[in-house]
Amino acid sequence: MEDEMNIGVINEGCKIENRAGLTPGSVSYLVEKSHKIYVQAGAGLKAGYSNEEYAEQGADIVFTKEEVFGRSDAVLNICPLNEEECGLVKKDQILIGFHHLAVSPKEVVVKLLKKNVTILGYEIFQEKNGVLPFIESLSEIAGQMCLFISGQYLQTSQGGRGIVIGGVVSVPPATAVVIGSGVLARSAVKALLGAGAHTIALGRNMENLRNLEEMTSGRLITLMASKYNLSRISKIADILIGAVLEPGERAPIYITREMVKSMRKGSLIIDLAIDQGGCIETSRLTSLEHPCFVENGVMHYCVPNITASVSRTSTKVLSNMVSPFLVEIGEKGIRKALKMNSTLSCGLYAYKGNIVKKHIAERFDLPHKSLSSSL
C-alpha cells in the first residue's frame, strides 16, 4: 500500500477555461481514500463550485498556483499547461489532464521532460475495446453543443444563412455535413439527425461508416472521404463539422481552402478537431469570448475547449472519470498501476522524463523509450 498522495487542482480561469479538475464530490471520495487535495482558490467558481464547498469536503484551499505545484505529487489540468505553469512543475511530478503534445511547442515538451515528469493525457486514454473513455464522454456533450451552436450562428443576425436546422412544412431542412466517422462524428450525427437536419457523414473507415448507418437506421447518408466527395459535398453544406480524431496525433487536413471558398455564403464550419490542430485548412484557434470569425463568407467556430461552455456538466464528467484512476495510482503507485491497467498505460505520453509514444518522439526529434523498457 502506497502512502497518501497529494493531489493538486489549479485555477485555470486565466486561460479562458471554465472547467475544474475535480468536483467537491470527487474531493470527498478521494479524501475518504486518505489522499490530500490542494485546490487553488477560485478553481471551481466558473463551474459553480465555491471554495467553501471544496473545503467542506476536506480539500485544503491554497491561494497561489505555486503552492499547488509545490505541495502536490500529482497535478490535474484541463487546458494544456502554459509556459508559466511548466515553470512551476517540480521534479518527478505526475501531470494528468489534456496535454495534446502532438501540437505543443517543442520547448515546452523539453522543459517538462527535464523535470523527470510523468505525463498522462486524457485525450489518449484507451480501453481494450478501442473506446477512448474521456473523449467518448465529452463527445456526447460536444455533439449536443454542435446543435446549439448551429442554431445560433445560422441566424441572420449572426451573419448566417438565416435558416432553421429542421426545416418546416414546404421548406427543406438544413444540410449538415460531418467529416469523420468515429466517436466525435457519431455524437454530432446523432444530435443533427435528431433535430431533423439532412445529414451526410464522410469518413475513411468503412466499418465505422457502416456502424453509423446502422445506428441511424439508414437515415444518414454515408460517403467515403475522398477529395472528390469532400469537394462536391462541401458546396451544399449549410453546416460543416470537422469531427476527425486521431488520438495523440495532429489532425489531418480534410477540407482545403479551395473547398471552403466553394461553400455557400453564411454557412457554418465547426472544427471539433481544433484541439489537435484542426482538420479544415482555414481554421484557426478562437475562444469562448470570441468564438467565431468569417473567412470567404463562411462562419468558422473553432473553440478548442468547446465543452467549457457547459462547465458544470463537463467538470462532473471529467472528475468522475479521473477519480478511479487517481485512487488506483495512490494504492499501487504509478509504476505498478501502469503495469496493471492498460487503459492507464495507453494514456501515457512520458514516464519519468522519457517519451513512450514513438510518434511524439519522432515529431520533436527526441529520444524514445518504450513503456516496457521504462517500467
Protein backbone atom coordinates (compact mmCIF):
# COMPACT_ATOMS: atom_id res chain seq x y z
CA MET A 1 0.00 0.00 0.00
CA GLU A 2 1.45 3.35 -1.04
CA ASP A 3 1.44 6.39 1.21
CA GLU A 4 -1.26 9.01 0.76
CA MET A 5 -0.98 11.01 -2.46
CA ASN A 6 -1.08 14.78 -2.60
CA ILE A 7 -3.29 15.86 -5.50
CA GLY A 8 -3.43 19.43 -6.80
CA VAL A 9 -6.19 21.25 -8.69
CA ILE A 10 -5.12 24.50 -10.34
CA ASN A 11 -7.27 27.53 -11.16
CA GLU A 12 -7.29 27.77 -14.96
CA GLY A 13 -9.59 30.76 -15.27
CA CYS A 14 -6.83 32.93 -16.73
CA LYS A 15 -6.77 30.62 -19.79
CA ILE A 16 -10.47 31.22 -20.52
CA GLU A 17 -11.22 27.77 -19.17
CA ASN A 18 -14.40 27.27 -17.18
CA ARG A 19 -13.97 23.65 -16.12
CA ALA A 20 -12.26 22.42 -12.96
CA GLY A 21 -10.10 19.35 -12.35
CA LEU A 22 -12.31 17.90 -9.61
CA THR A 23 -15.77 18.43 -8.15
CA PRO A 24 -16.30 18.69 -4.38
CA GLY A 25 -17.95 15.24 -4.57
CA SER A 26 -14.80 13.69 -6.01
CA VAL A 27 -12.71 15.51 -3.42
CA SER A 28 -14.81 13.83 -0.71
CA TYR A 29 -14.27 10.43 -2.35
CA LEU A 30 -10.52 10.90 -2.61
CA VAL A 31 -10.20 12.23 0.93
CA GLU A 32 -12.01 9.11 2.17
CA LYS A 33 -9.27 7.13 0.40
CA SER A 34 -6.70 9.00 2.55
CA HIS A 35 -5.47 11.40 -0.13
CA LYS A 36 -4.70 15.07 0.41
CA ILE A 37 -6.30 17.50 -2.03
CA TYR A 38 -4.99 21.02 -2.65
CA VAL A 39 -7.39 23.27 -4.56
CA GLN A 40 -6.29 26.68 -5.73
CA ALA A 41 -8.78 29.35 -4.66
CA GLY A 42 -11.37 30.00 -7.35
CA ALA A 43 -10.64 26.84 -9.32
CA GLY A 44 -14.28 25.75 -9.34
CA LEU A 45 -16.09 29.08 -9.45
CA LYS A 46 -16.86 29.04 -13.19
CA ALA A 47 -18.25 25.53 -12.83
CA GLY A 48 -20.45 26.67 -9.95
CA TYR A 49 -18.37 25.33 -7.04
CA SER A 50 -17.27 27.65 -4.26
CA ASN A 51 -14.08 27.41 -2.21
CA GLU A 52 -16.25 26.64 0.80
CA GLU A 53 -17.79 23.60 -0.90
CA TYR A 54 -14.34 22.16 -1.57
CA ALA A 55 -13.19 22.90 1.97
CA GLU A 56 -16.29 21.27 3.45
CA GLN A 57 -15.37 18.04 1.64
CA GLY A 58 -11.84 18.04 3.04
CA ALA A 59 -9.80 19.98 0.47
CA ASP A 60 -7.11 22.44 1.53
CA ILE A 61 -7.69 25.77 -0.22
CA VAL A 62 -4.41 27.40 -1.25
CA PHE A 63 -4.07 30.81 -2.80
CA THR A 64 -1.31 30.50 -5.37
CA LYS A 65 -0.55 28.17 -8.27
CA GLU A 66 3.00 27.88 -6.94
CA GLU A 67 1.65 26.32 -3.77
CA VAL A 68 -0.47 23.79 -5.66
CA PHE A 69 2.52 22.59 -7.69
CA GLY A 70 4.84 22.80 -4.71
CA ARG A 71 2.71 20.58 -2.46
CA SER A 72 1.36 18.05 -4.94
CA ASP A 73 2.61 14.68 -6.17
CA ALA A 74 0.05 14.78 -9.00
CA VAL A 75 -1.46 17.89 -10.59
CA LEU A 76 -4.70 17.90 -12.62
CA ASN A 77 -5.08 20.28 -15.53
CA ILE A 78 -7.80 20.82 -18.13
CA CYS A 79 -6.10 23.10 -20.66
CA PRO A 80 -2.53 22.15 -21.64
CA LEU A 81 -0.05 23.76 -19.27
CA ASN A 82 1.20 27.16 -20.36
CA GLU A 83 4.79 28.37 -20.11
CA GLU A 84 4.32 29.83 -16.63
CA GLU A 85 2.79 26.61 -15.30
CA CYS A 86 5.53 24.48 -16.86
CA GLY A 87 7.99 26.57 -14.90
CA LEU A 88 6.18 25.65 -11.66
CA VAL A 89 6.22 21.89 -12.28
CA LYS A 90 8.53 20.17 -9.82
CA LYS A 91 10.84 17.20 -10.32
CA ASP A 92 9.18 13.76 -10.60
CA GLN A 93 5.66 15.22 -10.66
CA ILE A 94 2.73 13.39 -12.28
CA LEU A 95 0.72 15.58 -14.67
CA ILE A 96 -2.77 14.37 -15.53
CA GLY A 97 -5.11 16.17 -17.91
CA PHE A 98 -5.40 17.35 -21.50
CA HIS A 99 -1.90 17.87 -22.90
CA HIS A 100 -2.19 17.48 -26.70
CA LEU A 101 1.57 17.06 -27.03
CA ALA A 102 1.26 16.47 -30.77
CA VAL A 103 0.57 20.19 -31.23
CA SER A 104 2.63 21.54 -28.32
CA PRO A 105 5.75 23.70 -28.79
CA LYS A 106 8.93 21.62 -28.58
CA GLU A 107 10.45 23.91 -25.95
CA VAL A 108 7.52 23.22 -23.60
CA VAL A 109 7.90 19.45 -24.01
CA VAL A 110 11.67 19.58 -23.47
CA LYS A 111 11.23 21.77 -20.40
CA LEU A 112 8.86 19.25 -18.84
CA LEU A 113 10.95 16.20 -19.68
CA LYS A 114 13.98 17.73 -17.98
CA LYS A 115 11.98 17.62 -14.76
CA ASN A 116 11.57 13.86 -14.97
CA VAL A 117 7.80 14.17 -15.19
CA THR A 118 5.20 11.52 -15.91
CA ILE A 119 2.54 12.85 -18.31
CA LEU A 120 -0.89 11.25 -18.72
CA GLY A 121 -3.20 12.71 -21.38
CA TYR A 122 -6.97 12.37 -21.10
CA GLU A 123 -7.18 12.52 -24.91
CA ILE A 124 -5.26 9.24 -25.39
CA PHE A 125 -6.62 7.05 -22.59
CA GLN A 126 -7.91 3.99 -24.44
CA GLU A 127 -9.69 0.83 -23.30
CA LYS A 128 -9.00 -2.64 -24.70
CA ASN A 129 -12.05 -2.43 -26.99
CA GLY A 130 -10.71 0.76 -28.55
CA VAL A 131 -13.00 3.15 -26.66
CA LEU A 132 -11.44 6.47 -25.63
CA PRO A 133 -13.25 6.97 -22.30
CA PHE A 134 -12.58 10.68 -21.73
CA ILE A 135 -13.10 11.65 -25.38
CA GLU A 136 -16.21 9.46 -25.63
CA SER A 137 -17.81 11.12 -22.60
CA LEU A 138 -17.01 14.68 -23.68
CA SER A 139 -18.03 13.91 -27.26
CA GLU A 140 -21.59 13.28 -26.11
CA ILE A 141 -21.59 16.83 -24.80
CA ALA A 142 -19.81 18.26 -27.86
CA GLY A 143 -22.35 16.68 -30.21
CA GLN A 144 -25.21 18.38 -28.42
CA MET A 145 -23.25 21.64 -28.37
CA CYS A 146 -22.94 21.48 -32.17
CA LEU A 147 -26.70 21.65 -32.38
CA PHE A 148 -26.95 24.74 -30.17
CA ILE A 149 -24.02 26.45 -31.93
CA SER A 150 -25.51 25.75 -35.37
CA GLY A 151 -28.89 27.07 -34.34
CA GLN A 152 -27.31 30.30 -33.13
CA TYR A 153 -24.86 31.04 -35.93
CA LEU A 154 -27.19 30.18 -38.81
CA GLN A 155 -29.37 33.12 -37.73
CA THR A 156 -29.41 36.17 -39.96
CA SER A 157 -28.42 38.44 -37.06
CA GLN A 158 -25.21 36.42 -36.65
CA GLY A 159 -24.30 36.61 -40.32
CA GLY A 160 -25.62 33.13 -41.06
CA ARG A 161 -27.80 31.86 -43.89
CA GLY A 162 -30.98 32.60 -41.98
CA ILE A 163 -32.31 29.05 -41.84
CA VAL A 164 -33.59 26.65 -39.19
CA ILE A 165 -31.98 23.26 -38.87
CA GLY A 166 -35.03 21.06 -39.12
CA GLY A 167 -36.94 22.89 -41.84
CA VAL A 168 -40.70 23.43 -41.81
CA VAL A 169 -43.64 22.42 -43.98
CA SER A 170 -42.79 23.20 -47.63
CA VAL A 171 -39.21 24.25 -46.71
CA PRO A 172 -36.40 21.65 -46.62
CA PRO A 173 -34.10 21.22 -43.60
CA ALA A 174 -30.52 22.41 -43.37
CA THR A 175 -27.84 20.18 -44.89
CA ALA A 176 -25.30 19.14 -42.28
CA VAL A 177 -22.03 17.53 -43.34
CA VAL A 178 -19.96 15.68 -40.74
CA ILE A 179 -16.34 14.89 -41.62
CA GLY A 180 -15.25 11.78 -39.71
CA SER A 181 -16.78 8.51 -38.65
CA GLY A 182 -15.55 7.94 -35.11
CA VAL A 183 -16.74 8.90 -31.66
CA LEU A 184 -16.93 12.67 -32.29
CA ALA A 185 -18.76 12.17 -35.56
CA ARG A 186 -21.24 9.75 -34.00
CA SER A 187 -22.24 12.26 -31.38
CA ALA A 188 -22.63 15.09 -33.90
CA VAL A 189 -24.64 12.90 -36.30
CA LYS A 190 -26.98 11.79 -33.53
CA ALA A 191 -27.71 15.37 -32.48
CA LEU A 192 -28.18 16.75 -36.00
CA LEU A 193 -30.39 13.92 -37.22
CA GLY A 194 -32.45 14.25 -34.07
CA ALA A 195 -33.06 17.90 -34.93
CA GLY A 196 -34.21 16.97 -38.42
CA ALA A 197 -31.18 18.06 -40.45
CA HIS A 198 -30.42 16.40 -43.78
CA THR A 199 -27.18 14.78 -42.60
CA ILE A 200 -24.22 13.38 -44.53
CA ALA A 201 -21.14 11.77 -42.98
CA LEU A 202 -17.85 11.27 -44.79
CA GLY A 203 -15.12 9.04 -43.40
CA ARG A 204 -12.32 6.69 -44.38
CA ASN A 205 -13.19 3.74 -42.19
CA MET A 206 -15.81 1.51 -43.80
CA GLU A 207 -16.66 -0.32 -40.60
CA ASN A 208 -17.25 2.95 -38.75
CA LEU A 209 -19.42 4.27 -41.58
CA ARG A 210 -21.42 1.06 -41.56
CA ASN A 211 -21.93 1.38 -37.79
CA LEU A 212 -23.12 4.97 -38.22
CA GLU A 213 -25.61 3.93 -40.87
CA GLU A 214 -26.93 1.08 -38.72
CA MET A 215 -27.18 3.37 -35.68
CA THR A 216 -29.36 5.77 -37.65
CA SER A 217 -31.46 3.05 -39.33
CA GLY A 218 -30.33 4.22 -42.74
CA ARG A 219 -31.39 7.85 -42.29
CA LEU A 220 -27.77 9.00 -42.54
CA ILE A 221 -26.10 9.31 -45.92
CA THR A 222 -22.53 7.98 -45.79
CA LEU A 223 -19.70 8.56 -48.26
CA MET A 224 -16.01 7.81 -48.44
CA ALA A 225 -13.98 10.92 -47.61
CA SER A 226 -12.21 11.15 -50.95
CA LYS A 227 -11.06 14.53 -52.23
CA TYR A 228 -13.73 14.32 -54.93
CA ASN A 229 -16.56 13.66 -52.48
CA LEU A 230 -15.34 16.25 -49.96
CA SER A 231 -15.14 18.88 -52.69
CA ARG A 232 -18.59 18.02 -54.03
CA ILE A 233 -20.40 17.82 -50.68
CA SER A 234 -18.86 20.93 -49.11
CA LYS A 235 -20.59 23.01 -51.79
CA ILE A 236 -24.04 22.05 -50.50
CA ALA A 237 -23.31 22.21 -46.75
CA ASP A 238 -25.14 24.69 -44.56
CA ILE A 239 -23.27 23.23 -41.57
CA LEU A 240 -19.90 21.53 -41.92
CA ILE A 241 -18.50 19.82 -38.84
CA GLY A 242 -14.91 18.62 -38.68
CA ALA A 243 -15.03 15.62 -36.36
CA VAL A 244 -11.79 13.86 -37.26
CA LEU A 245 -9.94 12.37 -34.32
CA GLU A 246 -6.57 10.64 -34.36
CA PRO A 247 -5.68 10.18 -30.66
CA GLY A 248 -2.42 11.82 -29.72
CA GLU A 249 -1.65 13.00 -33.27
CA ARG A 250 -2.18 16.17 -35.26
CA ALA A 251 -5.48 16.11 -37.10
CA PRO A 252 -5.08 15.68 -40.89
CA ILE A 253 -6.49 18.37 -43.19
CA TYR A 254 -9.64 17.11 -44.91
CA ILE A 255 -11.24 20.38 -46.09
CA THR A 256 -8.94 22.61 -48.13
CA ARG A 257 -9.07 26.37 -48.51
CA GLU A 258 -10.43 25.94 -52.05
CA MET A 259 -13.29 23.80 -50.72
CA VAL A 260 -14.14 26.49 -48.16
CA LYS A 261 -14.21 29.09 -50.94
CA SER A 262 -16.83 27.00 -52.75
CA MET A 263 -19.17 26.89 -49.74
CA ARG A 264 -22.36 28.91 -49.53
CA LYS A 265 -22.08 32.39 -48.03
CA GLY A 266 -23.32 32.41 -44.46
CA SER A 267 -22.76 28.68 -43.97
CA LEU A 268 -21.08 27.48 -40.79
CA ILE A 269 -17.95 25.46 -40.05
CA ILE A 270 -17.46 23.90 -36.62
CA ASP A 271 -13.98 22.40 -36.32
CA LEU A 272 -14.14 19.96 -33.40
CA ALA A 273 -10.62 18.81 -34.25
CA ILE A 274 -9.12 22.22 -33.45
CA ASP A 275 -7.68 20.88 -30.16
CA GLN A 276 -5.41 18.74 -32.33
CA GLY A 277 -4.63 21.44 -34.89
CA GLY A 278 -7.88 21.34 -36.88
CA CYS A 279 -8.96 19.34 -39.93
CA ILE A 280 -10.01 22.35 -42.02
CA GLU A 281 -7.28 24.42 -43.68
CA THR A 282 -8.86 27.78 -42.88
CA SER A 283 -9.39 27.01 -39.19
CA ARG A 284 -7.56 28.93 -36.50
CA LEU A 285 -7.95 28.91 -32.74
CA THR A 286 -10.74 31.00 -31.26
CA SER A 287 -12.02 31.31 -27.70
CA LEU A 288 -15.33 31.23 -25.88
CA GLU A 289 -15.13 35.03 -25.60
CA HIS A 290 -14.63 35.44 -29.37
CA PRO A 291 -15.72 32.08 -30.81
CA CYS A 292 -16.22 32.94 -34.50
CA PHE A 293 -14.51 34.55 -37.45
CA VAL A 294 -15.55 34.83 -41.08
CA GLU A 295 -13.35 33.75 -43.97
CA ASN A 296 -14.53 33.62 -47.59
CA GLY A 297 -18.01 34.44 -46.34
CA VAL A 298 -18.13 31.31 -44.17
CA MET A 299 -18.53 31.41 -40.38
CA HIS A 300 -15.83 29.45 -38.52
CA TYR A 301 -16.37 28.24 -34.96
CA CYS A 302 -13.00 26.92 -33.74
CA VAL A 303 -13.11 26.89 -29.94
CA PRO A 304 -10.72 24.23 -28.58
CA ASN A 305 -12.46 23.81 -25.25
CA ILE A 306 -15.98 23.63 -26.64
CA THR A 307 -17.43 21.73 -23.67
CA ALA A 308 -16.29 24.52 -21.33
CA SER A 309 -19.50 26.29 -22.38
CA VAL A 310 -21.33 23.82 -20.15
CA SER A 311 -18.65 23.80 -17.48
CA ARG A 312 -20.60 22.17 -14.65
CA THR A 313 -21.63 19.12 -16.70
CA SER A 314 -18.16 18.79 -18.23
CA THR A 315 -16.43 19.12 -14.86
CA LYS A 316 -18.60 16.36 -13.43
CA VAL A 317 -17.81 14.08 -16.36
CA LEU A 318 -14.04 14.61 -16.17
CA SER A 319 -13.97 14.38 -12.39
CA ASN A 320 -15.97 11.15 -12.33
CA MET A 321 -13.69 9.67 -14.99
CA VAL A 322 -10.34 10.53 -13.40
CA SER A 323 -11.11 9.76 -9.75
CA PRO A 324 -10.85 5.93 -10.00
CA PHE A 325 -7.51 6.28 -11.78
CA LEU A 326 -6.24 8.55 -9.01
CA VAL A 327 -7.29 6.02 -6.38
CA GLU A 328 -5.51 3.24 -8.27
CA ILE A 329 -2.32 5.29 -8.63
CA GLY A 330 -2.48 6.11 -4.93
CA GLU A 331 -2.98 2.50 -3.87
CA LYS A 332 -0.43 0.87 -6.18
CA GLY A 333 1.98 3.64 -7.07
CA ILE A 334 2.33 4.93 -10.62
CA ARG A 335 4.69 2.18 -11.82
CA LYS A 336 2.52 -0.73 -10.69
CA ALA A 337 -0.70 0.99 -11.78
CA LEU A 338 0.69 1.45 -15.30
CA LYS A 339 1.72 -2.20 -15.42
CA MET A 340 -1.66 -3.47 -14.31
CA ASN A 341 -4.06 -1.06 -16.02
CA SER A 342 -3.82 -1.00 -19.82
CA THR A 343 -6.24 1.94 -20.11
CA LEU A 344 -3.97 4.00 -17.90
CA SER A 345 -0.81 2.96 -19.75
CA CYS A 346 -2.41 3.86 -23.10
CA GLY A 347 -2.85 7.38 -21.72
CA LEU A 348 0.87 7.77 -21.05
CA TYR A 349 2.91 10.26 -23.06
CA ALA A 350 6.01 10.22 -20.88
CA TYR A 351 7.24 8.24 -17.90
CA LYS A 352 9.82 9.81 -15.58
CA GLY A 353 11.16 12.09 -18.28
CA ASN A 354 11.14 9.57 -21.13
CA ILE A 355 8.72 9.84 -24.07
CA VAL A 356 6.98 6.48 -24.53
CA LYS A 357 4.92 7.39 -27.62
CA LYS A 358 7.15 6.87 -30.64
CA HIS A 359 5.32 9.27 -32.96
CA ILE A 360 5.61 12.06 -30.39
CA ALA A 361 9.34 11.46 -30.01
CA GLU A 362 9.76 11.48 -33.79
CA ARG A 363 7.77 14.69 -34.16
CA PHE A 364 10.12 16.52 -31.80
CA ASP A 365 13.26 14.62 -32.81
CA LEU A 366 13.67 13.47 -29.21
CA PRO A 367 14.71 10.09 -27.76
CA HIS A 368 12.04 7.42 -27.42
CA LYS A 369 11.90 4.76 -24.74
CA SER A 370 9.21 2.09 -24.86
CA LEU A 371 6.90 1.70 -21.90
CA SER A 372 8.02 -1.86 -21.25
CA SER A 373 11.66 -0.83 -21.00
CA SER A 374 10.76 2.27 -18.97
CA LEU A 375 8.91 0.22 -16.37
